[in-house]
Amino acid sequence: MTAPSQTQVYFARTLLARLAVWPVLRIAVDSSWGGPESKQKRTWMASELLDVFDSSSPSNTLHPNSASNQVDEDYIEEMILQMMNDEFDCVVEDGSSTEVAADLVKLWKEAKSGGEKAIEQSMKFWEDKERAIQGKRIQAQEIKVEEEEWEGDGGESGDEEDEEDGSDNGMEVDVPPTLIDRRNNEVPVIDEDGFTLVKGKGTRHG
Protein backbone atom coordinates (compact mmCIF):
# COMPACT_ATOMS: atom_id res chain seq x y z
CA MET A 1 0.00 0.00 0.00
CA THR A 2 1.30 3.40 -0.98
CA ALA A 3 2.08 5.67 1.94
CA PRO A 4 -0.06 8.81 2.07
CA SER A 5 1.51 11.97 0.76
CA GLN A 6 2.28 14.86 3.09
CA THR A 7 -0.60 16.75 1.49
CA GLN A 8 -2.98 13.93 2.38
CA VAL A 9 -1.69 13.84 5.95
CA TYR A 10 -2.18 17.60 6.30
CA PHE A 11 -5.68 17.37 4.85
CA ALA A 12 -6.59 14.56 7.26
CA ARG A 13 -5.42 16.63 10.22
CA THR A 14 -7.30 19.66 8.95
CA LEU A 15 -10.51 17.66 8.50
CA LEU A 16 -10.30 16.29 12.04
CA ALA A 17 -9.65 19.74 13.52
CA ARG A 18 -12.58 21.24 11.58
CA LEU A 19 -14.93 18.61 13.00
CA ALA A 20 -13.52 19.07 16.50
CA VAL A 21 -14.46 22.77 16.62
CA TRP A 22 -18.02 22.23 15.34
CA PRO A 23 -20.23 23.23 18.31
CA VAL A 24 -22.87 20.57 17.66
CA LEU A 25 -20.30 17.78 17.63
CA ARG A 26 -18.57 19.28 20.67
CA ILE A 27 -21.82 19.11 22.60
CA ALA A 28 -22.46 15.55 21.43
CA VAL A 29 -18.97 14.40 22.45
CA ASP A 30 -18.80 16.34 25.73
CA SER A 31 -22.24 15.06 26.71
CA SER A 32 -21.35 11.49 25.68
CA TRP A 33 -24.38 11.22 23.42
CA GLY A 34 -22.47 8.50 21.58
CA GLY A 35 -21.70 6.67 24.81
CA PRO A 36 -18.27 6.25 26.42
CA GLU A 37 -16.63 6.04 22.99
CA SER A 38 -17.92 9.41 21.79
CA LYS A 39 -14.44 10.80 21.13
CA GLN A 40 -13.49 7.73 19.16
CA LYS A 41 -16.68 8.13 17.14
CA ARG A 42 -15.64 11.65 16.20
CA THR A 43 -12.32 10.28 14.93
CA TRP A 44 -14.19 7.56 13.07
CA MET A 45 -16.39 10.19 11.40
CA ALA A 46 -13.27 11.99 10.20
CA SER A 47 -11.82 8.75 8.79
CA GLU A 48 -15.05 7.96 6.94
CA LEU A 49 -15.14 11.42 5.39
CA LEU A 50 -11.47 11.20 4.52
CA ASP A 51 -12.10 7.92 2.71
CA VAL A 52 -14.77 9.59 0.59
CA PHE A 53 -12.50 12.46 -0.37
CA ASP A 54 -9.53 10.18 -0.95
CA SER A 55 -11.47 7.69 -3.07
CA SER A 56 -12.62 10.52 -5.33
CA SER A 57 -9.02 10.83 -6.55
CA PRO A 58 -7.54 8.38 -9.03
CA SER A 59 -5.10 5.90 -7.49
CA ASN A 60 -5.88 7.39 -4.06
CA THR A 61 -3.67 10.41 -4.73
CA LEU A 62 -4.42 14.10 -4.86
CA HIS A 63 -4.69 14.90 -8.55
CA PRO A 64 -5.62 18.54 -9.20
CA ASN A 65 -7.21 18.32 -12.64
CA SER A 66 -9.27 15.15 -12.63
CA ALA A 67 -13.03 15.41 -13.15
CA SER A 68 -13.46 12.51 -10.72
CA ASN A 69 -12.10 14.75 -7.97
CA GLN A 70 -15.34 16.70 -7.77
CA VAL A 71 -16.87 16.09 -4.33
CA ASP A 72 -20.44 17.20 -3.84
CA GLU A 73 -21.14 19.37 -0.79
CA ASP A 74 -24.66 18.02 -0.49
CA TYR A 75 -23.39 14.45 -0.34
CA ILE A 76 -20.83 15.34 2.34
CA GLU A 77 -23.50 17.11 4.39
CA GLU A 78 -25.90 14.17 4.10
CA MET A 79 -23.11 11.87 5.21
CA ILE A 80 -22.37 14.06 8.24
CA LEU A 81 -26.06 14.23 9.17
CA GLN A 82 -26.47 10.47 8.86
CA MET A 83 -23.43 9.77 11.04
CA MET A 84 -24.61 12.23 13.68
CA ASN A 85 -27.99 10.51 13.70
CA ASP A 86 -26.60 6.98 13.77
CA GLU A 87 -23.68 7.45 16.15
CA PHE A 88 -24.93 10.22 18.47
CA ASP A 89 -28.71 9.85 18.16
CA CYS A 90 -28.70 13.52 17.16
CA VAL A 91 -30.77 15.18 14.45
CA VAL A 92 -29.03 18.40 13.41
CA GLU A 93 -31.47 21.12 12.44
CA ASP A 94 -29.49 24.34 12.89
CA GLY A 95 -27.98 24.44 9.40
CA SER A 96 -24.43 24.31 10.73
CA SER A 97 -23.76 21.03 8.93
CA THR A 98 -24.01 22.92 5.64
CA GLU A 99 -21.16 25.20 6.68
CA VAL A 100 -19.05 22.27 7.86
CA ALA A 101 -19.56 20.39 4.59
CA ALA A 102 -18.75 23.50 2.55
CA ASP A 103 -15.56 24.06 4.54
CA LEU A 104 -14.43 20.47 4.05
CA VAL A 105 -15.00 20.57 0.30
CA LYS A 106 -13.22 23.93 0.11
CA LEU A 107 -10.27 22.50 2.02
CA TRP A 108 -10.19 19.48 -0.25
CA LYS A 109 -10.09 21.65 -3.36
CA GLU A 110 -7.41 23.75 -1.72
CA ALA A 111 -5.32 20.64 -1.11
CA LYS A 112 -5.73 19.60 -4.73
CA SER A 113 -4.96 22.94 -6.32
CA GLY A 114 -2.55 24.49 -3.84
CA GLY A 115 -0.79 21.38 -2.65
CA GLU A 116 1.17 20.89 0.53
CA LYS A 117 1.90 24.52 1.38
CA ALA A 118 -1.69 25.68 0.98
CA ILE A 119 -3.27 22.93 3.05
CA GLU A 120 -0.53 23.22 5.68
CA GLN A 121 -1.58 26.83 6.32
CA SER A 122 -5.22 25.78 6.68
CA MET A 123 -4.20 22.93 8.96
CA LYS A 124 -2.40 25.35 11.26
CA PHE A 125 -5.42 27.67 11.25
CA TRP A 126 -7.92 24.97 12.26
CA GLU A 127 -5.60 23.26 14.71
CA ASP A 128 -5.00 26.62 16.38
CA LYS A 129 -8.77 27.00 16.72
CA GLU A 130 -8.99 23.51 18.17
CA ARG A 131 -6.25 24.29 20.69
CA ALA A 132 -8.04 27.52 21.61
CA ILE A 133 -11.12 25.61 22.79
CA GLN A 134 -9.16 23.10 24.83
CA GLY A 135 -9.71 23.80 28.51
CA LYS A 136 -13.10 25.23 27.63
CA ARG A 137 -16.39 23.47 27.56
CA ILE A 138 -19.89 24.24 26.43
CA GLN A 139 -21.73 24.57 29.73
CA ALA A 140 -25.35 23.64 29.37
CA GLN A 141 -28.28 25.21 31.12
CA GLU A 142 -31.09 22.74 31.64
CA ILE A 143 -34.63 24.03 31.66
CA LYS A 144 -37.41 21.72 32.73
CA VAL A 145 -40.63 22.46 30.93
CA GLU A 146 -44.08 21.02 31.07
CA GLU A 147 -45.11 19.33 27.86
CA GLU A 148 -47.99 21.73 27.30
CA GLU A 149 -45.64 24.69 27.59
CA TRP A 150 -43.76 23.60 24.48
CA GLU A 151 -46.28 23.94 21.69
CA GLY A 152 -45.34 24.94 18.18
CA ASP A 153 -42.37 27.24 17.71
CA GLY A 154 -43.27 29.70 20.43
CA GLY A 155 -40.71 28.69 23.03
CA GLU A 156 -39.38 31.83 24.65
CA SER A 157 -36.31 30.27 26.17
CA GLY A 158 -33.14 30.46 24.12
CA ASP A 159 -33.90 33.92 22.73
CA GLU A 160 -32.03 35.75 25.44
CA GLU A 161 -28.27 35.59 25.65
CA ASP A 162 -26.55 34.93 28.92
CA GLU A 163 -24.29 37.88 29.50
CA GLU A 164 -22.22 36.19 32.20
CA ASP A 165 -18.67 35.34 31.26
CA GLY A 166 -19.17 31.94 32.92
CA SER A 167 -16.19 30.74 34.89
CA ASP A 168 -16.17 27.32 36.51
CA ASN A 169 -13.43 26.76 39.07
CA GLY A 170 -10.97 28.67 36.94
CA MET A 171 -11.93 26.86 33.75
CA GLU A 172 -12.84 29.00 30.78
CA VAL A 173 -16.37 28.28 29.64
CA ASP A 174 -18.05 29.07 26.34
CA VAL A 175 -21.27 31.07 26.27
CA PRO A 176 -23.71 28.41 27.48
CA PRO A 177 -26.41 27.13 25.15
CA THR A 178 -29.81 26.35 26.54
CA LEU A 179 -30.44 22.63 26.81
CA ILE A 180 -33.77 21.09 27.59
CA ASP A 181 -34.32 18.22 29.97
CA ARG A 182 -35.63 15.67 27.49
CA ARG A 183 -36.21 12.75 29.80
CA ASN A 184 -39.96 13.23 29.46
CA ASN A 185 -40.20 15.71 26.61
CA GLU A 186 -39.19 15.64 22.96
CA VAL A 187 -37.89 19.19 22.71
CA PRO A 188 -34.99 20.84 20.94
CA VAL A 189 -31.52 21.72 22.16
CA ILE A 190 -30.27 25.22 21.46
CA ASP A 191 -26.56 25.33 20.62
CA GLU A 192 -24.11 28.12 21.43
CA ASP A 193 -25.00 30.00 18.24
CA GLY A 194 -28.69 30.07 19.13
CA PHE A 195 -29.68 27.40 16.62
CA THR A 196 -31.69 24.28 17.18
CA LEU A 197 -30.55 20.68 17.19
CA VAL A 198 -32.44 17.70 18.42
CA LYS A 199 -30.97 14.79 20.31
CA GLY A 200 -33.16 11.80 19.91
CA LYS A 201 -34.76 9.57 17.38
CA GLY A 202 -35.93 11.43 14.36
CA THR A 203 -36.19 11.31 10.64
CA ARG A 204 -32.97 10.12 9.15
CA HIS A 205 -31.23 12.30 6.62
CA GLY A 206 -30.17 10.52 3.50
C-alpha atoms as a PDB file:
ATOM      1  CA  MET A   1       0.000   0.000   0.000  1.00  0.00           C
ATOM      2  CA  THR A   2       1.305   3.396  -0.983  1.00  0.00           C
ATOM      3  CA  ALA A   3       2.081   5.666   1.941  1.00  0.00           C
ATOM      4  CA  PRO A   4      -0.065   8.811   2.072  1.00  0.00           C
ATOM      5  CA  SER A   5       1.512  11.974   0.763  1.00  0.00           C
ATOM      6  CA  GLN A   6       2.281  14.863   3.090  1.00  0.00           C
ATOM      7  CA  THR A   7      -0.595  16.752   1.492  1.00  0.00           C
ATOM      8  CA  GLN A   8      -2.985  13.927   2.381  1.00  0.00           C
ATOM      9  CA  VAL A   9      -1.686  13.844   5.950  1.00  0.00           C
ATOM     10  CA  TYR A  10      -2.184  17.597   6.304  1.00  0.00           C
ATOM     11  CA  PHE A  11      -5.683  17.372   4.847  1.00  0.00           C
ATOM     12  CA  ALA A  12      -6.593  14.565   7.260  1.00  0.00           C
ATOM     13  CA  ARG A  13      -5.416  16.627  10.224  1.00  0.00           C
ATOM     14  CA  THR A  14      -7.305  19.663   8.947  1.00  0.00           C
ATOM     15  CA  LEU A  15     -10.507  17.661   8.503  1.00  0.00           C
ATOM     16  CA  LEU A  16     -10.304  16.286  12.042  1.00  0.00           C
ATOM     17  CA  ALA A  17      -9.652  19.736  13.522  1.00  0.00           C
ATOM     18  CA  ARG A  18     -12.581  21.239  11.585  1.00  0.00           C
ATOM     19  CA  LEU A  19     -14.929  18.613  12.998  1.00  0.00           C
ATOM     20  CA  ALA A  20     -13.518  19.075  16.498  1.00  0.00           C
ATOM     21  CA  VAL A  21     -14.461  22.772  16.624  1.00  0.00           C
ATOM     22  CA  TRP A  22     -18.020  22.227  15.340  1.00  0.00           C
ATOM     23  CA  PRO A  23     -20.227  23.228  18.312  1.00  0.00           C
ATOM     24  CA  VAL A  24     -22.867  20.565  17.656  1.00  0.00           C
ATOM     25  CA  LEU A  25     -20.301  17.777  17.628  1.00  0.00           C
ATOM     26  CA  ARG A  26     -18.567  19.279  20.668  1.00  0.00           C
ATOM     27  CA  ILE A  27     -21.825  19.114  22.599  1.00  0.00           C
ATOM     28  CA  ALA A  28     -22.458  15.546  21.434  1.00  0.00           C
ATOM     29  CA  VAL A  29     -18.975  14.398  22.452  1.00  0.00           C
ATOM     30  CA  ASP A  30     -18.804  16.340  25.730  1.00  0.00           C
ATOM     31  CA  SER A  31     -22.241  15.064  26.714  1.00  0.00           C
ATOM     32  CA  SER A  32     -21.351  11.488  25.681  1.00  0.00           C
ATOM     33  CA  TRP A  33     -24.379  11.224  23.415  1.00  0.00           C
ATOM     34  CA  GLY A  34     -22.472   8.499  21.585  1.00  0.00           C
ATOM     35  CA  GLY A  35     -21.702   6.674  24.810  1.00  0.00           C
ATOM     36  CA  PRO A  36     -18.270   6.245  26.422  1.00  0.00           C
ATOM     37  CA  GLU A  37     -16.631   6.042  22.994  1.00  0.00           C
ATOM     38  CA  SER A  38     -17.921   9.406  21.792  1.00  0.00           C
ATOM     39  CA  LYS A  39     -14.438  10.800  21.132  1.00  0.00           C
ATOM     40  CA  GLN A  40     -13.491   7.733  19.156  1.00  0.00           C
ATOM     41  CA  LYS A  41     -16.676   8.133  17.137  1.00  0.00           C
ATOM     42  CA  ARG A  42     -15.636  11.655  16.203  1.00  0.00           C
ATOM     43  CA  THR A  43     -12.325  10.284  14.926  1.00  0.00           C
ATOM     44  CA  TRP A  44     -14.188   7.563  13.071  1.00  0.00           C
ATOM     45  CA  MET A  45     -16.390  10.190  11.400  1.00  0.00           C
ATOM     46  CA  ALA A  46     -13.269  11.986  10.197  1.00  0.00           C
ATOM     47  CA  SER A  47     -11.822   8.754   8.793  1.00  0.00           C
ATOM     48  CA  GLU A  48     -15.049   7.958   6.940  1.00  0.00           C
ATOM     49  CA  LEU A  49     -15.144  11.416   5.390  1.00  0.00           C
ATOM     50  CA  LEU A  50     -11.475  11.197   4.521  1.00  0.00           C
ATOM     51  CA  ASP A  51     -12.097   7.918   2.706  1.00  0.00           C
ATOM     52  CA  VAL A  52     -14.767   9.594   0.589  1.00  0.00           C
ATOM     53  CA  PHE A  53     -12.496  12.458  -0.372  1.00  0.00           C
ATOM     54  CA  ASP A  54      -9.533  10.180  -0.945  1.00  0.00           C
ATOM     55  CA  SER A  55     -11.475   7.695  -3.070  1.00  0.00           C
ATOM     56  CA  SER A  56     -12.615  10.523  -5.327  1.00  0.00           C
ATOM     57  CA  SER A  57      -9.024  10.833  -6.554  1.00  0.00           C
ATOM     58  CA  PRO A  58      -7.545   8.376  -9.031  1.00  0.00           C
ATOM     59  CA  SER A  59      -5.101   5.896  -7.495  1.00  0.00           C
ATOM     60  CA  ASN A  60      -5.882   7.389  -4.061  1.00  0.00           C
ATOM     61  CA  THR A  61      -3.669  10.405  -4.725  1.00  0.00           C
ATOM     62  CA  LEU A  62      -4.416  14.099  -4.855  1.00  0.00           C
ATOM     63  CA  HIS A  63      -4.693  14.904  -8.554  1.00  0.00           C
ATOM     64  CA  PRO A  64      -5.616  18.541  -9.199  1.00  0.00           C
ATOM     65  CA  ASN A  65      -7.209  18.320 -12.637  1.00  0.00           C
ATOM     66  CA  SER A  66      -9.275  15.148 -12.626  1.00  0.00           C
ATOM     67  CA  ALA A  67     -13.028  15.407 -13.150  1.00  0.00           C
ATOM     68  CA  SER A  68     -13.460  12.512 -10.722  1.00  0.00           C
ATOM     69  CA  ASN A  69     -12.105  14.755  -7.974  1.00  0.00           C
ATOM     70  CA  GLN A  70     -15.339  16.697  -7.765  1.00  0.00           C
ATOM     71  CA  VAL A  71     -16.867  16.087  -4.333  1.00  0.00           C
ATOM     72  CA  ASP A  72     -20.437  17.198  -3.841  1.00  0.00           C
ATOM     73  CA  GLU A  73     -21.140  19.366  -0.791  1.00  0.00           C
ATOM     74  CA  ASP A  74     -24.665  18.022  -0.491  1.00  0.00           C
ATOM     75  CA  TYR A  75     -23.393  14.452  -0.338  1.00  0.00           C
ATOM     76  CA  ILE A  76     -20.832  15.340   2.336  1.00  0.00           C
ATOM     77  CA  GLU A  77     -23.498  17.108   4.386  1.00  0.00           C
ATOM     78  CA  GLU A  78     -25.900  14.173   4.100  1.00  0.00           C
ATOM     79  CA  MET A  79     -23.106  11.866   5.205  1.00  0.00           C
ATOM     80  CA  ILE A  80     -22.368  14.061   8.241  1.00  0.00           C
ATOM     81  CA  LEU A  81     -26.057  14.234   9.171  1.00  0.00           C
ATOM     82  CA  GLN A  82     -26.471  10.473   8.859  1.00  0.00           C
ATOM     83  CA  MET A  83     -23.429   9.767  11.040  1.00  0.00           C
ATOM     84  CA  MET A  84     -24.614  12.229  13.682  1.00  0.00           C
ATOM     85  CA  ASN A  85     -27.988  10.506  13.702  1.00  0.00           C
ATOM     86  CA  ASP A  86     -26.599   6.979  13.766  1.00  0.00           C
ATOM     87  CA  GLU A  87     -23.683   7.454  16.150  1.00  0.00           C
ATOM     88  CA  PHE A  88     -24.933  10.219  18.473  1.00  0.00           C
ATOM     89  CA  ASP A  89     -28.708   9.855  18.160  1.00  0.00           C
ATOM     90  CA  CYS A  90     -28.701  13.525  17.161  1.00  0.00           C
ATOM     91  CA  VAL A  91     -30.774  15.176  14.447  1.00  0.00           C
ATOM     92  CA  VAL A  92     -29.028  18.401  13.406  1.00  0.00           C
ATOM     93  CA  GLU A  93     -31.470  21.123  12.437  1.00  0.00           C
ATOM     94  CA  ASP A  94     -29.493  24.337  12.885  1.00  0.00           C
ATOM     95  CA  GLY A  95     -27.978  24.439   9.396  1.00  0.00           C
ATOM     96  CA  SER A  96     -24.427  24.310  10.726  1.00  0.00           C
ATOM     97  CA  SER A  97     -23.755  21.026   8.925  1.00  0.00           C
ATOM     98  CA  THR A  98     -24.010  22.922   5.635  1.00  0.00           C
ATOM     99  CA  GLU A  99     -21.161  25.198   6.675  1.00  0.00           C
ATOM    100  CA  VAL A 100     -19.049  22.274   7.861  1.00  0.00           C
ATOM    101  CA  ALA A 101     -19.559  20.394   4.593  1.00  0.00           C
ATOM    102  CA  ALA A 102     -18.754  23.497   2.552  1.00  0.00           C
ATOM    103  CA  ASP A 103     -15.561  24.063   4.538  1.00  0.00           C
ATOM    104  CA  LEU A 104     -14.433  20.470   4.052  1.00  0.00           C
ATOM    105  CA  VAL A 105     -15.000  20.573   0.303  1.00  0.00           C
ATOM    106  CA  LYS A 106     -13.220  23.931   0.107  1.00  0.00           C
ATOM    107  CA  LEU A 107     -10.266  22.505   2.020  1.00  0.00           C
ATOM    108  CA  TRP A 108     -10.190  19.477  -0.255  1.00  0.00           C
ATOM    109  CA  LYS A 109     -10.091  21.654  -3.365  1.00  0.00           C
ATOM    110  CA  GLU A 110      -7.407  23.748  -1.720  1.00  0.00           C
ATOM    111  CA  ALA A 111      -5.318  20.642  -1.113  1.00  0.00           C
ATOM    112  CA  LYS A 112      -5.727  19.598  -4.726  1.00  0.00           C
ATOM    113  CA  SER A 113      -4.957  22.942  -6.323  1.00  0.00           C
ATOM    114  CA  GLY A 114      -2.555  24.491  -3.840  1.00  0.00           C
ATOM    115  CA  GLY A 115      -0.786  21.378  -2.653  1.00  0.00           C
ATOM    116  CA  GLU A 116       1.167  20.885   0.528  1.00  0.00           C
ATOM    117  CA  LYS A 117       1.904  24.519   1.383  1.00  0.00           C
ATOM    118  CA  ALA A 118      -1.692  25.682   0.979  1.00  0.00           C
ATOM    119  CA  ILE A 119      -3.271  22.929   3.052  1.00  0.00           C
ATOM    120  CA  GLU A 120      -0.533  23.223   5.677  1.00  0.00           C
ATOM    121  CA  GLN A 121      -1.582  26.828   6.317  1.00  0.00           C
ATOM    122  CA  SER A 122      -5.222  25.779   6.681  1.00  0.00           C
ATOM    123  CA  MET A 123      -4.199  22.933   8.958  1.00  0.00           C
ATOM    124  CA  LYS A 124      -2.397  25.351  11.257  1.00  0.00           C
ATOM    125  CA  PHE A 125      -5.424  27.670  11.249  1.00  0.00           C
ATOM    126  CA  TRP A 126      -7.924  24.969  12.262  1.00  0.00           C
ATOM    127  CA  GLU A 127      -5.597  23.257  14.712  1.00  0.00           C
ATOM    128  CA  ASP A 128      -5.001  26.625  16.378  1.00  0.00           C
ATOM    129  CA  LYS A 129      -8.770  27.001  16.722  1.00  0.00           C
ATOM    130  CA  GLU A 130      -8.990  23.510  18.173  1.00  0.00           C
ATOM    131  CA  ARG A 131      -6.251  24.287  20.695  1.00  0.00           C
ATOM    132  CA  ALA A 132      -8.041  27.523  21.615  1.00  0.00           C
ATOM    133  CA  ILE A 133     -11.121  25.611  22.793  1.00  0.00           C
ATOM    134  CA  GLN A 134      -9.157  23.099  24.835  1.00  0.00           C
ATOM    135  CA  GLY A 135      -9.711  23.803  28.515  1.00  0.00           C
ATOM    136  CA  LYS A 136     -13.102  25.228  27.628  1.00  0.00           C
ATOM    137  CA  ARG A 137     -16.391  23.467  27.559  1.00  0.00           C
ATOM    138  CA  ILE A 138     -19.885  24.239  26.430  1.00  0.00           C
ATOM    139  CA  GLN A 139     -21.732  24.568  29.727  1.00  0.00           C
ATOM    140  CA  ALA A 140     -25.354  23.641  29.366  1.00  0.00           C
ATOM    141  CA  GLN A 141     -28.281  25.208  31.124  1.00  0.00           C
ATOM    142  CA  GLU A 142     -31.086  22.736  31.645  1.00  0.00           C
ATOM    143  CA  ILE A 143     -34.627  24.026  31.665  1.00  0.00           C
ATOM    144  CA  LYS A 144     -37.412  21.716  32.735  1.00  0.00           C
ATOM    145  CA  VAL A 145     -40.626  22.463  30.928  1.00  0.00           C
ATOM    146  CA  GLU A 146     -44.077  21.015  31.075  1.00  0.00           C
ATOM    147  CA  GLU A 147     -45.114  19.329  27.861  1.00  0.00           C
ATOM    148  CA  GLU A 148     -47.995  21.733  27.297  1.00  0.00           C
ATOM    149  CA  GLU A 149     -45.640  24.690  27.589  1.00  0.00           C
ATOM    150  CA  TRP A 150     -43.764  23.604  24.479  1.00  0.00           C
ATOM    151  CA  GLU A 151     -46.285  23.943  21.690  1.00  0.00           C
ATOM    152  CA  GLY A 152     -45.345  24.944  18.180  1.00  0.00           C
ATOM    153  CA  ASP A 153     -42.369  27.245  17.712  1.00  0.00           C
ATOM    154  CA  GLY A 154     -43.270  29.703  20.431  1.00  0.00           C
ATOM    155  CA  GLY A 155     -40.711  28.693  23.032  1.00  0.00           C
ATOM    156  CA  GLU A 156     -39.384  31.827  24.650  1.00  0.00           C
ATOM    157  CA  SER A 157     -36.306  30.265  26.170  1.00  0.00           C
ATOM    158  CA  GLY A 158     -33.138  30.463  24.116  1.00  0.00           C
ATOM    159  CA  ASP A 159     -33.902  33.923  22.731  1.00  0.00           C
ATOM    160  CA  GLU A 160     -32.031  35.755  25.440  1.00  0.00           C
ATOM    161  CA  GLU A 161     -28.270  35.590  25.650  1.00  0.00           C
ATOM    162  CA  ASP A 162     -26.549  34.926  28.923  1.00  0.00           C
ATOM    163  CA  GLU A 163     -24.286  37.879  29.503  1.00  0.00           C
ATOM    164  CA  GLU A 164     -22.225  36.187  32.199  1.00  0.00           C
ATOM    165  CA  ASP A 165     -18.673  35.338  31.260  1.00  0.00           C
ATOM    166  CA  GLY A 166     -19.174  31.938  32.918  1.00  0.00           C
ATOM    167  CA  SER A 167     -16.190  30.740  34.893  1.00  0.00           C
ATOM    168  CA  ASP A 168     -16.167  27.319  36.507  1.00  0.00           C
ATOM    169  CA  ASN A 169     -13.435  26.760  39.070  1.00  0.00           C
ATOM    170  CA  GLY A 170     -10.968  28.668  36.944  1.00  0.00           C
ATOM    171  CA  MET A 171     -11.926  26.859  33.747  1.00  0.00           C
ATOM    172  CA  GLU A 172     -12.845  28.996  30.778  1.00  0.00           C
ATOM    173  CA  VAL A 173     -16.371  28.282  29.644  1.00  0.00           C
ATOM    174  CA  ASP A 174     -18.049  29.074  26.338  1.00  0.00           C
ATOM    175  CA  VAL A 175     -21.271  31.066  26.272  1.00  0.00           C
ATOM    176  CA  PRO A 176     -23.715  28.412  27.482  1.00  0.00           C
ATOM    177  CA  PRO A 177     -26.405  27.135  25.148  1.00  0.00           C
ATOM    178  CA  THR A 178     -29.805  26.351  26.538  1.00  0.00           C
ATOM    179  CA  LEU A 179     -30.441  22.634  26.812  1.00  0.00           C
ATOM    180  CA  ILE A 180     -33.774  21.093  27.590  1.00  0.00           C
ATOM    181  CA  ASP A 181     -34.324  18.217  29.965  1.00  0.00           C
ATOM    182  CA  ARG A 182     -35.628  15.666  27.485  1.00  0.00           C
ATOM    183  CA  ARG A 183     -36.210  12.752  29.796  1.00  0.00           C
ATOM    184  CA  ASN A 184     -39.959  13.228  29.462  1.00  0.00           C
ATOM    185  CA  ASN A 185     -40.198  15.711  26.610  1.00  0.00           C
ATOM    186  CA  GLU A 186     -39.190  15.639  22.956  1.00  0.00           C
ATOM    187  CA  VAL A 187     -37.893  19.190  22.708  1.00  0.00           C
ATOM    188  CA  PRO A 188     -34.990  20.842  20.939  1.00  0.00           C
ATOM    189  CA  VAL A 189     -31.518  21.717  22.164  1.00  0.00           C
ATOM    190  CA  ILE A 190     -30.270  25.222  21.464  1.00  0.00           C
ATOM    191  CA  ASP A 191     -26.557  25.328  20.615  1.00  0.00           C
ATOM    192  CA  GLU A 192     -24.108  28.121  21.435  1.00  0.00           C
ATOM    193  CA  ASP A 193     -24.997  29.999  18.236  1.00  0.00           C
ATOM    194  CA  GLY A 194     -28.689  30.066  19.133  1.00  0.00           C
ATOM    195  CA  PHE A 195     -29.676  27.401  16.623  1.00  0.00           C
ATOM    196  CA  THR A 196     -31.694  24.277  17.183  1.00  0.00           C
ATOM    197  CA  LEU A 197     -30.546  20.684  17.187  1.00  0.00           C
ATOM    198  CA  VAL A 198     -32.437  17.699  18.415  1.00  0.00           C
ATOM    199  CA  LYS A 199     -30.965  14.788  20.306  1.00  0.00           C
ATOM    200  CA  GLY A 200     -33.158  11.802  19.913  1.00  0.00           C
ATOM    201  CA  LYS A 201     -34.758   9.571  17.383  1.00  0.00           C
ATOM    202  CA  GLY A 202     -35.928  11.431  14.356  1.00  0.00           C
ATOM    203  CA  THR A 203     -36.194  11.314  10.635  1.00  0.00           C
ATOM    204  CA  ARG A 204     -32.966  10.122   9.152  1.00  0.00           C
ATOM    205  CA  HIS A 205     -31.230  12.304   6.621  1.00  0.00           C
ATOM    206  CA  GLY A 206     -30.172  10.524   3.497  1.00  0.00           C
END
